Amino acid sequence: MQFLSLYLHIPFCRTRCTYCAFNTYTDQADLINAYVQALCMEIRLLGRGDPVHTVYFGGGTPSLLSASQVAQILATVGQHFSLLPEAEITLEANPGTVRPGDWAPFRAAGVNRLSLGFQSAIAGELALFARDHTLDEVTRAVEDARSAGFDNLSLDLMYGTPGQSLKDWRHSLAFALDLAPQHLSAYALSLEPGTSLWRQVRDGRLPTPDDELAAEMYTELTEALAGAGFVQYEISNWARGERYACHNLQYWRNLPYLGLGAGAHGYIAGQRTVNVMRPEIYIRCLSGDQGGYPYPTTAATQSTERISREDAMFETIMTGLRLMVHGLSEAALPLALGKAWMNAMGR
């Protein structure tokens, strides 16, 4: 049986990171409650009882939601989808937005995996990124989350940044390993046009990142994590004890997922969907008449694109090539493309 994944976009932040090009907003916290109601409406409209094995609260800063709001969203998912008992339910969290007493209610709401935005152990780099947390808050967040019953923690790291030295990178990596996460994601900085960091590099206020140095950092990263017992299962992701990010594997295997929330992208029923970007427009779209929209669209759907069998095959191959452990197998293609592919190929 093919299981479905749900991506839930929470576009609110307290501050905007200088490298961020995602659909996020720092001045609309007053919309959060109405947004949660709209998100629940979209879940109701698209729920058909399909079995769901991963739910991912991404953003933005999903930890700005209250535990009761997260519980309401997950209860709505459970009512309109078949949420598997062992489903992976991930919440992205900024260590600076969660107080010690918040973790247990999140766990009680159904969240069983945390992805903590760490990025760096260098105070100057955190300031450069405009990260809204300190190193002490990262350590405290990890300790408090574990005390609340979370045993599946992921940390994010960033390398290849302006002015970053190999010594600084080694320090950040060692700091992350000392926190003993079950999962670690490490990304080379991508200077996205329009971001603050991109403008500073463009204008000569910051040095252009050194690609050769970034490659050296990546080599040290793979060696250090292998030595610490991590398995690299994807180009930018490592896990211990097979605590792979099941939700992200859904993307890399080109399997179906619904993208719910403002600006969310989905891939299901042979087509890609994109929702309207602005939270206030998203809320308005889902507060009116919802009749006459074919699955998997709603009034909040901005655009759709039908994916041909050939494009689906190409995308499955390209995403599958990112996988280091599971790899790309011929068996994965019929799973991602369905019986139509098998019949076309005479299988």
Protein backbone atom coordinates (compact mmCIF):
# COMPACT_ATOMS: atom_id res chain seq x y z
CA MET A 1 0.00 0.00 0.00
CA GLN A 2 1.22 3.51 -0.83
CA PHE A 3 1.11 5.86 2.15
CA LEU A 4 0.55 9.60 1.96
CA SER A 5 2.52 12.40 3.64
CA LEU A 6 1.21 15.79 4.77
CA TYR A 7 3.29 18.97 4.76
CA LEU A 8 1.75 21.76 6.86
CA HIS A 9 3.27 25.19 6.25
CA ILE A 10 3.34 27.61 9.20
CA PRO A 11 4.56 30.91 7.69
CA PHE A 12 5.03 32.98 10.87
CA CYS A 13 8.38 34.05 12.36
CA ARG A 14 9.53 36.47 15.04
CA THR A 15 12.49 37.55 12.92
CA ARG A 16 13.58 36.78 9.36
CA CYS A 17 16.90 34.99 8.90
CA THR A 18 19.23 36.74 6.49
CA TYR A 19 19.51 33.65 4.23
CA CYS A 20 15.79 32.84 4.17
CA ALA A 21 13.87 32.85 0.88
CA PHE A 22 10.89 30.87 2.17
CA ASN A 23 7.31 32.11 2.37
CA THR A 24 7.52 33.62 5.88
CA TYR A 25 6.20 36.73 7.63
CA THR A 26 7.34 38.53 10.78
CA ASP A 27 4.45 40.97 11.16
CA GLN A 28 1.34 38.78 11.07
CA ALA A 29 1.28 36.95 14.40
CA ASP A 30 -2.24 38.29 14.96
CA LEU A 31 -3.40 35.98 12.15
CA ILE A 32 -2.19 32.76 13.75
CA ASN A 33 -5.51 31.66 15.25
CA ALA A 34 -7.48 32.38 12.05
CA TYR A 35 -4.73 30.65 10.08
CA VAL A 36 -5.05 27.50 12.18
CA GLN A 37 -8.79 27.46 11.49
CA ALA A 38 -8.17 27.85 7.74
CA LEU A 39 -5.57 25.08 7.80
CA CYS A 40 -8.04 22.77 9.52
CA MET A 41 -10.61 23.63 6.85
CA GLU A 42 -8.16 22.70 4.09
CA ILE A 43 -7.45 19.40 5.86
CA ARG A 44 -11.19 18.67 5.99
CA LEU A 45 -11.66 19.50 2.33
CA LEU A 46 -8.82 17.28 1.12
CA GLY A 47 -9.18 14.43 3.59
CA ARG A 48 -10.51 11.23 2.03
CA GLY A 49 -9.43 8.75 4.65
CA ASP A 50 -6.09 8.01 2.93
CA PRO A 51 -3.48 6.35 5.17
CA VAL A 52 -0.91 8.94 6.31
CA HIS A 53 2.48 7.92 7.67
CA THR A 54 4.20 11.31 8.08
CA VAL A 55 3.06 14.79 9.07
CA TYR A 56 5.54 17.66 8.93
CA PHE A 57 5.00 21.10 10.47
CA GLY A 58 7.42 23.31 8.49
CA GLY A 59 7.91 27.03 8.16
CA GLY A 60 8.47 29.63 9.18
CA THR A 61 8.53 28.80 12.86
CA PRO A 62 5.89 26.19 13.72
CA SER A 63 6.90 26.33 17.40
CA LEU A 64 5.17 29.72 17.52
CA LEU A 65 1.91 27.75 17.56
CA SER A 66 0.59 26.73 20.94
CA ALA A 67 0.47 23.05 21.80
CA SER A 68 -3.33 23.24 21.81
CA GLN A 69 -3.29 24.61 18.24
CA VAL A 70 -0.98 21.78 17.15
CA ALA A 71 -3.30 19.31 18.89
CA GLN A 72 -6.32 20.78 17.08
CA ILE A 73 -4.59 20.44 13.71
CA LEU A 74 -3.53 16.85 14.39
CA ALA A 75 -7.00 15.95 15.65
CA THR A 76 -8.42 17.26 12.38
CA VAL A 77 -5.91 15.18 10.45
CA GLY A 78 -6.98 12.12 12.44
CA GLN A 79 -10.64 12.76 11.69
CA HIS A 80 -10.23 13.11 7.92
CA PHE A 81 -7.25 10.86 7.16
CA SER A 82 -6.19 7.48 8.45
CA LEU A 83 -3.23 8.55 10.58
CA LEU A 84 -1.13 5.45 11.18
CA PRO A 85 -0.36 4.68 14.86
CA GLU A 86 3.39 4.75 14.16
CA ALA A 87 3.24 7.91 12.01
CA GLU A 88 6.23 10.24 12.16
CA ILE A 89 5.01 13.69 13.25
CA THR A 90 7.70 16.37 13.03
CA LEU A 91 7.67 19.91 14.37
CA GLU A 92 10.30 22.40 13.26
CA ALA A 93 11.23 24.50 16.27
CA ASN A 94 13.35 27.54 17.00
CA PRO A 95 15.10 26.99 20.36
CA GLY A 96 14.44 30.62 21.25
CA THR A 97 10.66 30.36 20.94
CA VAL A 98 9.97 27.41 23.25
CA ARG A 99 10.02 27.57 27.02
CA PRO A 100 10.93 24.52 29.16
CA GLY A 101 7.29 23.79 30.03
CA ASP A 102 6.17 23.84 26.37
CA TRP A 103 7.79 20.59 25.26
CA ALA A 104 5.61 18.17 27.21
CA PRO A 105 2.35 19.64 25.81
CA PHE A 106 3.76 19.38 22.27
CA ARG A 107 4.60 15.73 22.95
CA ALA A 108 1.13 15.14 24.40
CA ALA A 109 -0.40 16.75 21.29
CA GLY A 110 1.12 13.97 19.17
CA VAL A 111 4.46 15.41 18.00
CA ASN A 112 7.13 12.69 18.22
CA ARG A 113 10.03 14.21 16.27
CA LEU A 114 11.69 17.62 16.57
CA SER A 115 13.79 19.44 14.00
CA LEU A 116 15.69 22.17 15.85
CA GLY A 117 17.13 25.12 13.96
CA PHE A 118 20.70 25.18 15.30
CA GLN A 119 22.77 26.34 12.27
CA SER A 120 25.99 27.32 14.08
CA ALA A 121 27.83 27.29 17.41
CA ILE A 122 29.62 30.56 16.56
CA ALA A 123 27.91 33.58 18.09
CA GLY A 124 29.06 35.83 15.25
CA GLU A 125 27.54 33.51 12.67
CA LEU A 126 24.23 33.38 14.53
CA ALA A 127 24.23 37.20 14.51
CA LEU A 128 25.08 37.22 10.80
CA PHE A 129 22.12 34.91 10.13
CA ALA A 130 19.85 36.96 12.46
CA ARG A 131 19.00 33.74 14.30
CA ASP A 132 16.60 34.30 17.18
CA HIS A 133 18.36 32.10 19.72
CA THR A 134 21.56 31.68 21.72
CA LEU A 135 23.78 28.62 22.16
CA ASP A 136 22.58 28.25 25.74
CA GLU A 137 19.00 28.13 24.46
CA VAL A 138 19.93 25.35 22.02
CA THR A 139 21.46 23.25 24.79
CA ARG A 140 18.53 23.94 27.10
CA ALA A 141 16.01 23.11 24.36
CA VAL A 142 17.63 19.73 23.71
CA GLU A 143 17.78 18.88 27.42
CA ASP A 144 14.19 20.00 28.07
CA ALA A 145 12.85 18.18 25.01
CA ARG A 146 14.49 14.94 26.12
CA SER A 147 13.09 15.38 29.62
CA ALA A 148 9.64 15.76 28.04
CA GLY A 149 9.97 12.39 26.29
CA PHE A 150 11.34 13.31 22.86
CA ASP A 151 13.83 10.68 21.73
CA ASN A 152 14.02 11.64 18.05
CA LEU A 153 15.80 14.98 17.66
CA SER A 154 17.28 16.48 14.51
CA LEU A 155 19.66 19.45 14.30
CA ASP A 156 20.33 21.68 11.29
CA LEU A 157 23.81 22.97 10.45
CA MET A 158 24.99 25.38 7.77
CA TYR A 159 28.44 25.61 6.21
CA GLY A 160 30.13 27.47 3.37
CA THR A 161 28.99 30.83 4.75
CA PRO A 162 30.69 34.24 4.25
CA GLY A 163 33.86 34.47 6.34
CA GLN A 164 33.42 31.04 7.92
CA SER A 165 36.71 29.33 8.77
CA LEU A 166 37.46 25.64 8.94
CA LYS A 167 38.15 26.07 12.66
CA ASP A 168 34.71 27.62 13.19
CA TRP A 169 33.06 24.80 11.25
CA ARG A 170 34.83 22.15 13.32
CA HIS A 171 33.65 23.86 16.49
CA SER A 172 30.02 23.95 15.34
CA LEU A 173 30.16 20.32 14.27
CA ALA A 174 31.69 19.23 17.58
CA PHE A 175 29.07 21.23 19.51
CA ALA A 176 26.28 19.53 17.57
CA LEU A 177 27.72 16.06 18.18
CA ASP A 178 28.04 16.77 21.91
CA LEU A 179 24.26 17.27 21.96
CA ALA A 180 23.89 13.66 20.71
CA PRO A 181 21.02 14.13 18.22
CA GLN A 182 19.52 11.14 16.43
CA HIS A 183 19.58 13.01 13.12
CA LEU A 184 21.60 15.80 11.58
CA SER A 185 21.05 17.85 8.43
CA ALA A 186 23.90 19.96 7.04
CA TYR A 187 23.48 22.34 4.13
CA ALA A 188 25.92 24.43 2.16
CA LEU A 189 24.69 28.01 2.09
CA SER A 190 22.75 28.91 -1.03
CA LEU A 191 22.70 32.67 -1.62
CA GLU A 192 19.11 33.17 -2.74
CA PRO A 193 18.45 36.37 -4.72
CA GLY A 194 16.52 38.92 -2.73
CA THR A 195 17.69 37.75 0.70
CA SER A 196 19.61 40.05 3.02
CA LEU A 197 22.71 37.84 2.92
CA TRP A 198 22.66 37.80 -0.88
CA ARG A 199 22.50 41.62 -0.99
CA GLN A 200 25.39 41.96 1.45
CA VAL A 201 27.59 39.67 -0.65
CA ARG A 202 26.48 41.34 -3.89
CA ASP A 203 27.34 44.79 -2.51
CA GLY A 204 30.75 43.70 -1.23
CA ARG A 205 29.85 44.08 2.44
CA LEU A 206 30.54 40.38 2.97
CA PRO A 207 33.03 38.08 1.23
CA THR A 208 31.82 35.64 -1.39
CA PRO A 209 31.73 32.11 0.09
CA ASP A 210 34.71 29.96 -0.88
CA ASP A 211 33.47 26.90 -2.79
CA GLU A 212 36.72 24.97 -2.31
CA LEU A 213 36.64 25.60 1.43
CA ALA A 214 32.99 24.51 1.53
CA ALA A 215 33.99 21.25 -0.20
CA GLU A 216 36.66 20.70 2.44
CA MET A 217 34.08 21.33 5.16
CA TYR A 218 31.80 18.75 3.59
CA THR A 219 34.60 16.18 3.55
CA GLU A 220 35.33 16.78 7.23
CA LEU A 221 31.62 16.59 7.96
CA THR A 222 31.21 13.16 6.37
CA GLU A 223 34.29 11.81 8.14
CA ALA A 224 33.33 13.19 11.55
CA LEU A 225 29.77 11.89 11.38
CA ALA A 226 30.84 8.47 10.20
CA GLY A 227 33.24 8.32 13.14
CA ALA A 228 30.39 9.26 15.49
CA GLY A 229 28.19 6.41 14.26
CA PHE A 230 25.98 8.32 11.85
CA VAL A 231 24.93 6.83 8.53
CA GLN A 232 24.72 9.18 5.57
CA TYR A 233 21.47 8.18 3.90
CA GLU A 234 21.07 11.27 1.69
CA ILE A 235 23.45 13.90 0.35
CA SER A 236 22.75 16.35 3.18
CA ASN A 237 21.34 14.07 5.90
CA TRP A 238 22.72 11.66 8.49
CA ALA A 239 21.05 9.47 11.11
CA ARG A 240 21.91 7.13 13.96
CA GLY A 241 19.92 4.02 14.70
CA GLU A 242 18.09 4.29 11.36
CA ARG A 243 16.26 7.41 12.55
CA TYR A 244 15.87 8.57 8.98
CA ALA A 245 13.55 11.50 8.22
CA CYS A 246 10.68 9.46 6.78
CA HIS A 247 8.88 12.58 5.60
CA ASN A 248 11.84 13.76 3.54
CA LEU A 249 12.28 10.27 2.12
CA GLN A 250 8.78 10.70 0.69
CA TYR A 251 10.09 13.64 -1.37
CA TRP A 252 13.27 11.91 -2.46
CA ARG A 253 11.33 8.85 -3.57
CA ASN A 254 8.94 11.13 -5.48
CA LEU A 255 5.96 9.73 -3.61
CA PRO A 256 2.68 11.62 -3.04
CA TYR A 257 2.22 14.33 -0.44
CA LEU A 258 -0.31 17.08 0.18
CA GLY A 259 1.06 20.57 0.70
CA LEU A 260 -1.29 22.42 3.06
CA GLY A 261 -1.04 26.05 4.14
CA ALA A 262 -0.06 29.36 2.55
CA GLY A 263 2.46 28.88 -0.27
CA ALA A 264 2.66 25.11 0.27
CA HIS A 265 3.53 22.83 -2.66
CA GLY A 266 2.07 19.36 -3.09
CA TYR A 267 2.43 16.39 -5.42
CA ILE A 268 -0.48 13.99 -5.65
CA ALA A 269 -2.83 12.43 -8.20
CA GLY A 270 -0.29 13.03 -10.96
CA GLN A 271 -0.08 16.78 -10.48
CA ARG A 272 1.78 19.42 -8.55
CA THR A 273 -0.18 22.01 -6.62
CA VAL A 274 0.79 25.43 -5.26
CA ASN A 275 -1.25 27.40 -2.74
CA VAL A 276 -1.65 31.17 -2.57
CA MET A 277 1.27 32.81 -0.77
CA ARG A 278 -0.16 35.47 1.55
CA PRO A 279 -1.62 34.16 4.84
CA GLU A 280 -4.48 36.68 4.85
CA ILE A 281 -5.49 35.66 1.31
CA TYR A 282 -5.21 31.98 2.24
CA ILE A 283 -7.51 32.56 5.21
CA ARG A 284 -10.01 34.45 3.07
CA CYS A 285 -10.02 31.76 0.38
CA LEU A 286 -10.89 29.06 2.89
CA SER A 287 -13.63 31.02 4.64
CA GLY A 288 -16.03 31.13 1.68
CA ASP A 289 -17.92 28.65 -0.48
CA GLN A 290 -15.78 25.56 -1.09
CA GLY A 291 -17.93 23.82 -3.69
CA GLY A 292 -16.84 22.80 -7.17
CA TYR A 293 -13.11 22.33 -6.69
CA PRO A 294 -11.74 19.03 -8.03
CA TYR A 295 -9.41 17.00 -5.86
CA PRO A 296 -6.68 17.84 -4.91
CA THR A 297 -7.51 21.56 -5.15
CA THR A 298 -9.43 24.07 -3.03
CA ALA A 299 -10.18 27.78 -3.30
CA ALA A 300 -6.69 28.36 -1.85
CA THR A 301 -4.96 26.57 -4.75
CA GLN A 302 -3.07 29.08 -6.86
CA SER A 303 -1.90 26.76 -9.64
CA THR A 304 -1.64 23.13 -10.71
CA GLU A 305 0.61 21.33 -13.15
CA ARG A 306 -0.13 17.95 -14.65
CA ILE A 307 3.00 15.76 -14.59
CA SER A 308 3.49 13.48 -17.58
CA ARG A 309 4.62 9.90 -17.12
CA GLU A 310 7.97 10.79 -18.70
CA ASP A 311 8.49 13.77 -16.36
CA ALA A 312 7.49 11.70 -13.36
CA MET A 313 10.02 9.04 -14.34
CA PHE A 314 12.75 11.66 -14.75
CA GLU A 315 11.93 13.28 -11.41
CA THR A 316 11.89 9.92 -9.65
CA ILE A 317 15.35 9.14 -11.01
CA MET A 318 16.78 12.58 -10.15
CA THR A 319 15.46 12.63 -6.59
CA GLY A 320 16.39 9.00 -6.08
CA LEU A 321 20.01 9.72 -6.98
CA ARG A 322 20.27 11.80 -3.79
CA LEU A 323 19.80 8.69 -1.66
CA MET A 324 22.96 7.10 -0.28
CA VAL A 325 21.56 4.03 1.53
CA HIS A 326 18.27 3.16 -0.12
CA GLY A 327 19.47 4.28 -3.54
CA LEU A 328 17.41 4.11 -6.71
CA SER A 329 15.99 0.75 -7.68
CA GLU A 330 13.89 -0.31 -10.63
CA ALA A 331 11.22 -1.34 -8.12
CA ALA A 332 10.91 2.28 -6.94
CA LEU A 333 9.69 3.47 -10.33
CA PRO A 334 6.40 1.55 -10.43
CA LEU A 335 5.83 2.53 -6.78
CA ALA A 336 6.19 6.22 -7.62
CA LEU A 337 4.55 6.14 -11.03
CA GLY A 338 1.82 3.56 -10.57
CA LYS A 339 0.46 0.84 -12.82
CA ALA A 340 0.30 3.15 -15.85
CA TRP A 341 4.09 3.24 -15.97
CA MET A 342 4.32 -0.52 -15.68
CA ASN A 343 1.79 -1.05 -18.46
CA ALA A 344 3.52 1.47 -20.74
CA MET A 345 6.81 -0.34 -20.23
CA GLY A 346 5.25 -3.72 -20.83
CA ARG A 347 5.90 -4.83 -17.25
